[in-house]
Amino acid sequence: MATSSSSYNSPCAACKFLRRKCLPDCIYAPYFPPEEPHKFANVHKIFGAGNVSKLLKELLPHQREDAVSSLAYEAEARVRDPVYGCVGAITFLQKQVERLQKELDAANADLIRLACNEISAAAPMINMQGTGYFRSLDLGRARIMGGDGMFYQGQSGFPVNYSFPWNDNHNNPGSF
């Protein structure tokens, strides 16, 4: 936020553009510094100096800087794309987010597929005991019992009831 202009400083970008004297209480001076003449030119072209002045006067002082930033962004977007303005930029970004989300989902699916392939490749090394749908995987100290939805922890064999979310039908052998 620039300081207001005085007789020793150059006028703000708004007063310079409008070719008027920049007074010490100029409403534009704090938000349109002389170093950024294009900022006010775009805002004036799209919204008009009078409308911007009315808007700034209606807002509380702590809200004005954000309002000018929004006006300047919208004006710049309208100058670049007169039809869609910032809506075009928002739509572009939303489509980009959707595309990146699909890429992320595909990458996660690849990771899951690769992890499943590694587990399948490691399965012959696991000692499979039992027959039918009731199998026991001996994984050293931990023992997983399949088919009944129970997980048996360690050598003690105390059951912990756990239903696998991907296998709601645990009475059907061979279903995953």
C-alpha atoms as a PDB file:
ATOM      1  CA  MET A   1       0.000   0.000   0.000  1.00  0.00           C
ATOM      2  CA  ALA A   2       1.579   3.269  -1.096  1.00  0.00           C
ATOM      3  CA  THR A   3       1.377   6.476   0.888  1.00  0.00           C
ATOM      4  CA  SER A   4      -0.871   9.288  -0.287  1.00  0.00           C
ATOM      5  CA  SER A   5       0.579  11.858  -2.611  1.00  0.00           C
ATOM      6  CA  SER A   6       1.570  15.336  -1.555  1.00  0.00           C
ATOM      7  CA  SER A   7       2.801  18.323  -3.491  1.00  0.00           C
ATOM      8  CA  TYR A   8       6.368  16.941  -3.347  1.00  0.00           C
ATOM      9  CA  ASN A   9       5.511  13.471  -4.648  1.00  0.00           C
ATOM     10  CA  SER A  10       4.155  12.573  -8.037  1.00  0.00           C
ATOM     11  CA  PRO A  11       0.393  12.113  -8.255  1.00  0.00           C
ATOM     12  CA  CYS A  12      -1.140   8.667  -7.895  1.00  0.00           C
ATOM     13  CA  ALA A  13      -1.742   6.621 -11.024  1.00  0.00           C
ATOM     14  CA  ALA A  14      -5.470   7.423 -10.941  1.00  0.00           C
ATOM     15  CA  CYS A  15      -5.034  11.196 -10.769  1.00  0.00           C
ATOM     16  CA  LYS A  16      -2.312  11.093 -13.413  1.00  0.00           C
ATOM     17  CA  PHE A  17      -4.564   9.038 -15.702  1.00  0.00           C
ATOM     18  CA  LEU A  18      -7.565  11.306 -15.066  1.00  0.00           C
ATOM     19  CA  ARG A  19      -5.340  14.403 -15.427  1.00  0.00           C
ATOM     20  CA  ARG A  20      -6.349  15.988 -12.183  1.00  0.00           C
ATOM     21  CA  LYS A  21      -4.542  17.248  -9.109  1.00  0.00           C
ATOM     22  CA  CYS A  22      -3.885  14.540  -6.520  1.00  0.00           C
ATOM     23  CA  LEU A  23      -5.070  15.890  -3.177  1.00  0.00           C
ATOM     24  CA  PRO A  24      -3.708  14.625   0.162  1.00  0.00           C
ATOM     25  CA  ASP A  25      -7.029  12.873   0.905  1.00  0.00           C
ATOM     26  CA  CYS A  26      -7.250  11.210  -2.523  1.00  0.00           C
ATOM     27  CA  ILE A  27      -9.209   7.957  -2.221  1.00  0.00           C
ATOM     28  CA  TYR A  28      -7.161   6.355  -5.016  1.00  0.00           C
ATOM     29  CA  ALA A  29      -3.643   7.247  -3.818  1.00  0.00           C
ATOM     30  CA  PRO A  30      -3.138   4.434  -1.269  1.00  0.00           C
ATOM     31  CA  TYR A  31      -4.193   1.758  -3.773  1.00  0.00           C
ATOM     32  CA  PHE A  32      -2.971   3.004  -7.160  1.00  0.00           C
ATOM     33  CA  PRO A  33       0.671   4.082  -6.746  1.00  0.00           C
ATOM     34  CA  PRO A  34       2.352   6.091  -9.522  1.00  0.00           C
ATOM     35  CA  GLU A  35       4.614   3.109 -10.298  1.00  0.00           C
ATOM     36  CA  GLU A  36       1.625   1.044 -11.506  1.00  0.00           C
ATOM     37  CA  PRO A  37      -0.248   3.167 -14.059  1.00  0.00           C
ATOM     38  CA  HIS A  38      -1.506   0.111 -15.973  1.00  0.00           C
ATOM     39  CA  LYS A  39      -3.333  -1.107 -12.849  1.00  0.00           C
ATOM     40  CA  PHE A  40      -5.633   1.921 -12.723  1.00  0.00           C
ATOM     41  CA  ALA A  41      -5.919   2.116 -16.518  1.00  0.00           C
ATOM     42  CA  ASN A  42      -7.345  -1.428 -16.635  1.00  0.00           C
ATOM     43  CA  VAL A  43      -9.669  -0.850 -13.665  1.00  0.00           C
ATOM     44  CA  HIS A  44     -10.913   2.414 -15.182  1.00  0.00           C
ATOM     45  CA  LYS A  45     -11.443   0.790 -18.575  1.00  0.00           C
ATOM     46  CA  ILE A  46     -13.575  -2.021 -17.131  1.00  0.00           C
ATOM     47  CA  PHE A  47     -15.315  -0.462 -14.110  1.00  0.00           C
ATOM     48  CA  GLY A  48     -14.990   3.314 -14.496  1.00  0.00           C
ATOM     49  CA  ALA A  49     -13.327   5.741 -12.108  1.00  0.00           C
ATOM     50  CA  GLY A  50     -16.614   6.936 -10.578  1.00  0.00           C
ATOM     51  CA  ASN A  51     -17.782   3.412  -9.769  1.00  0.00           C
ATOM     52  CA  VAL A  52     -14.441   2.559  -8.184  1.00  0.00           C
ATOM     53  CA  SER A  53     -14.545   5.752  -6.119  1.00  0.00           C
ATOM     54  CA  LYS A  54     -18.093   4.969  -4.893  1.00  0.00           C
ATOM     55  CA  LEU A  55     -17.123   1.416  -4.050  1.00  0.00           C
ATOM     56  CA  LEU A  56     -14.050   2.484  -2.075  1.00  0.00           C
ATOM     57  CA  LYS A  57     -16.030   5.092  -0.138  1.00  0.00           C
ATOM     58  CA  GLU A  58     -18.691   2.535   0.827  1.00  0.00           C
ATOM     59  CA  LEU A  59     -16.148   0.025   2.161  1.00  0.00           C
ATOM     60  CA  LEU A  60     -14.425   0.129   5.501  1.00  0.00           C
ATOM     61  CA  PRO A  61     -10.775   1.225   5.246  1.00  0.00           C
ATOM     62  CA  HIS A  62      -9.410  -2.233   6.120  1.00  0.00           C
ATOM     63  CA  GLN A  63     -11.460  -3.797   3.271  1.00  0.00           C
ATOM     64  CA  ARG A  64     -10.359  -1.410   0.529  1.00  0.00           C
ATOM     65  CA  GLU A  65      -6.999  -2.957  -0.315  1.00  0.00           C
ATOM     66  CA  ASP A  66      -8.553  -6.391  -0.893  1.00  0.00           C
ATOM     67  CA  ALA A  67     -11.308  -4.816  -2.986  1.00  0.00           C
ATOM     68  CA  VAL A  68      -8.787  -2.988  -5.169  1.00  0.00           C
ATOM     69  CA  SER A  69      -6.785  -6.201  -5.589  1.00  0.00           C
ATOM     70  CA  SER A  70      -9.936  -8.004  -6.721  1.00  0.00           C
ATOM     71  CA  LEU A  71     -10.912  -5.194  -9.074  1.00  0.00           C
ATOM     72  CA  ALA A  72      -7.410  -5.098 -10.553  1.00  0.00           C
ATOM     73  CA  TYR A  73      -7.382  -8.892 -11.036  1.00  0.00           C
ATOM     74  CA  GLU A  74     -10.809  -8.912 -12.679  1.00  0.00           C
ATOM     75  CA  ALA A  75      -9.894  -5.943 -14.881  1.00  0.00           C
ATOM     76  CA  GLU A  76      -6.643  -7.604 -15.988  1.00  0.00           C
ATOM     77  CA  ALA A  77      -8.533 -10.812 -16.763  1.00  0.00           C
ATOM     78  CA  ARG A  78     -11.179  -8.866 -18.739  1.00  0.00           C
ATOM     79  CA  VAL A  79      -8.492  -7.094 -20.755  1.00  0.00           C
ATOM     80  CA  ARG A  80      -6.863 -10.436 -21.603  1.00  0.00           C
ATOM     81  CA  ASP A  81     -10.135 -12.271 -22.242  1.00  0.00           C
ATOM     82  CA  PRO A  82     -13.031  -9.851 -22.851  1.00  0.00           C
ATOM     83  CA  VAL A  83     -15.647 -12.598 -23.082  1.00  0.00           C
ATOM     84  CA  TYR A  84     -14.930 -14.788 -20.052  1.00  0.00           C
ATOM     85  CA  GLY A  85     -12.664 -12.651 -17.863  1.00  0.00           C
ATOM     86  CA  CYS A  86     -11.554 -14.380 -14.685  1.00  0.00           C
ATOM     87  CA  VAL A  87     -14.256 -17.034 -15.134  1.00  0.00           C
ATOM     88  CA  GLY A  88     -12.205 -18.372 -18.039  1.00  0.00           C
ATOM     89  CA  ALA A  89      -9.148 -18.639 -15.782  1.00  0.00           C
ATOM     90  CA  ILE A  90     -11.191 -20.323 -13.046  1.00  0.00           C
ATOM     91  CA  THR A  91     -12.669 -22.814 -15.529  1.00  0.00           C
ATOM     92  CA  PHE A  92      -9.199 -23.573 -16.899  1.00  0.00           C
ATOM     93  CA  LEU A  93      -7.876 -24.191 -13.384  1.00  0.00           C
ATOM     94  CA  GLN A  94     -10.859 -26.398 -12.469  1.00  0.00           C
ATOM     95  CA  LYS A  95     -10.283 -28.528 -15.575  1.00  0.00           C
ATOM     96  CA  GLN A  96      -6.605 -28.762 -14.717  1.00  0.00           C
ATOM     97  CA  VAL A  97      -7.468 -29.912 -11.175  1.00  0.00           C
ATOM     98  CA  GLU A  98      -9.842 -32.559 -12.586  1.00  0.00           C
ATOM     99  CA  ARG A  99      -7.156 -33.780 -15.020  1.00  0.00           C
ATOM    100  CA  LEU A 100      -4.551 -33.939 -12.269  1.00  0.00           C
ATOM    101  CA  GLN A 101      -6.996 -35.771  -9.973  1.00  0.00           C
ATOM    102  CA  LYS A 102      -7.530 -38.383 -12.686  1.00  0.00           C
ATOM    103  CA  GLU A 103      -3.761 -38.729 -13.100  1.00  0.00           C
ATOM    104  CA  LEU A 104      -3.391 -39.134  -9.327  1.00  0.00           C
ATOM    105  CA  ASP A 105      -6.147 -41.760  -9.253  1.00  0.00           C
ATOM    106  CA  ALA A 106      -4.448 -43.658 -12.096  1.00  0.00           C
ATOM    107  CA  ALA A 107      -1.086 -43.489 -10.316  1.00  0.00           C
ATOM    108  CA  ASN A 108      -2.673 -44.761  -7.079  1.00  0.00           C
ATOM    109  CA  ALA A 109      -4.329 -47.598  -8.994  1.00  0.00           C
ATOM    110  CA  ASP A 110      -0.942 -48.496 -10.505  1.00  0.00           C
ATOM    111  CA  LEU A 111       0.628 -48.497  -7.040  1.00  0.00           C
ATOM    112  CA  ILE A 112      -2.095 -50.795  -5.706  1.00  0.00           C
ATOM    113  CA  ARG A 113      -1.743 -53.087  -8.702  1.00  0.00           C
ATOM    114  CA  LEU A 114       2.040 -53.256  -8.258  1.00  0.00           C
ATOM    115  CA  ALA A 115       1.680 -53.901  -4.518  1.00  0.00           C
ATOM    116  CA  CYS A 116      -0.781 -56.713  -5.223  1.00  0.00           C
ATOM    117  CA  ASN A 117       1.617 -58.184  -7.778  1.00  0.00           C
ATOM    118  CA  GLU A 118       4.428 -58.122  -5.204  1.00  0.00           C
ATOM    119  CA  ILE A 119       2.188 -59.812  -2.639  1.00  0.00           C
ATOM    120  CA  SER A 120       1.163 -62.432  -5.223  1.00  0.00           C
ATOM    121  CA  ALA A 121       4.808 -63.026  -6.106  1.00  0.00           C
ATOM    122  CA  ALA A 122       5.676 -63.421  -2.409  1.00  0.00           C
ATOM    123  CA  ALA A 123       2.719 -65.757  -1.698  1.00  0.00           C
ATOM    124  CA  PRO A 124       4.545 -69.006  -2.672  1.00  0.00           C
ATOM    125  CA  MET A 125       7.097 -68.239   0.066  1.00  0.00           C
ATOM    126  CA  ILE A 126       4.360 -68.194   2.734  1.00  0.00           C
ATOM    127  CA  ASN A 127       3.615 -71.550   4.375  1.00  0.00           C
ATOM    128  CA  MET A 128      -0.028 -72.303   3.443  1.00  0.00           C
ATOM    129  CA  GLN A 129      -1.743 -74.827   5.700  1.00  0.00           C
ATOM    130  CA  GLY A 130      -5.280 -76.155   5.732  1.00  0.00           C
ATOM    131  CA  THR A 131      -7.839 -76.828   3.072  1.00  0.00           C
ATOM    132  CA  GLY A 132     -11.119 -75.352   1.851  1.00  0.00           C
ATOM    133  CA  TYR A 133     -11.988 -71.831   2.745  1.00  0.00           C
ATOM    134  CA  PHE A 134     -10.402 -72.033   6.184  1.00  0.00           C
ATOM    135  CA  ARG A 135      -6.692 -71.396   5.726  1.00  0.00           C
ATOM    136  CA  SER A 136      -3.948 -70.339   8.037  1.00  0.00           C
ATOM    137  CA  LEU A 137      -1.030 -68.220   6.908  1.00  0.00           C
ATOM    138  CA  ASP A 138       1.975 -68.756   9.133  1.00  0.00           C
ATOM    139  CA  LEU A 139       3.886 -65.467   9.110  1.00  0.00           C
ATOM    140  CA  GLY A 140       6.395 -66.181  11.846  1.00  0.00           C
ATOM    141  CA  ARG A 141       5.031 -64.937  15.178  1.00  0.00           C
ATOM    142  CA  ALA A 142       1.741 -63.623  13.708  1.00  0.00           C
ATOM    143  CA  ARG A 143      -0.877 -66.035  12.464  1.00  0.00           C
ATOM    144  CA  ILE A 144      -3.722 -64.894  10.217  1.00  0.00           C
ATOM    145  CA  MET A 145      -6.745 -67.148   9.991  1.00  0.00           C
ATOM    146  CA  GLY A 146      -8.817 -66.673   6.850  1.00  0.00           C
ATOM    147  CA  GLY A 147     -12.424 -67.344   6.002  1.00  0.00           C
ATOM    148  CA  ASP A 148     -13.984 -66.618   9.372  1.00  0.00           C
ATOM    149  CA  GLY A 149     -13.050 -62.936   9.467  1.00  0.00           C
ATOM    150  CA  MET A 150     -10.925 -63.421  12.574  1.00  0.00           C
ATOM    151  CA  PHE A 151      -7.348 -62.290  13.043  1.00  0.00           C
ATOM    152  CA  TYR A 152      -5.305 -64.315  15.492  1.00  0.00           C
ATOM    153  CA  GLN A 153      -2.402 -62.348  16.925  1.00  0.00           C
ATOM    154  CA  GLY A 154       0.935 -63.949  17.830  1.00  0.00           C
ATOM    155  CA  GLN A 155       1.531 -67.433  19.260  1.00  0.00           C
ATOM    156  CA  SER A 156      -1.116 -67.009  21.970  1.00  0.00           C
ATOM    157  CA  GLY A 157      -3.932 -67.374  19.441  1.00  0.00           C
ATOM    158  CA  PHE A 158      -6.227 -64.775  21.007  1.00  0.00           C
ATOM    159  CA  PRO A 159      -8.755 -63.784  18.365  1.00  0.00           C
ATOM    160  CA  VAL A 160      -9.374 -60.189  17.369  1.00  0.00           C
ATOM    161  CA  ASN A 161     -12.605 -59.790  15.431  1.00  0.00           C
ATOM    162  CA  TYR A 162     -11.818 -58.032  12.191  1.00  0.00           C
ATOM    163  CA  SER A 163     -13.937 -58.147   9.077  1.00  0.00           C
ATOM    164  CA  PHE A 164     -11.998 -57.399   5.924  1.00  0.00           C
ATOM    165  CA  PRO A 165     -13.747 -54.534   4.072  1.00  0.00           C
ATOM    166  CA  TRP A 166     -13.079 -56.022   0.650  1.00  0.00           C
ATOM    167  CA  ASN A 167     -14.534 -59.381   1.632  1.00  0.00           C
ATOM    168  CA  ASP A 168     -18.021 -58.956   3.077  1.00  0.00           C
ATOM    169  CA  ASN A 169     -19.044 -62.429   1.939  1.00  0.00           C
ATOM    170  CA  HIS A 170     -16.571 -64.497   3.970  1.00  0.00           C
ATOM    171  CA  ASN A 171     -18.773 -67.631   3.884  1.00  0.00           C
ATOM    172  CA  ASN A 172     -18.199 -68.026   0.147  1.00  0.00           C
ATOM    173  CA  PRO A 173     -14.842 -69.729  -0.418  1.00  0.00           C
ATOM    174  CA  GLY A 174     -12.797 -68.344  -3.260  1.00  0.00           C
ATOM    175  CA  SER A 175     -14.554 -64.991  -3.326  1.00  0.00           C
ATOM    176  CA  PHE A 176     -12.432 -61.943  -2.819  1.00  0.00           C
END
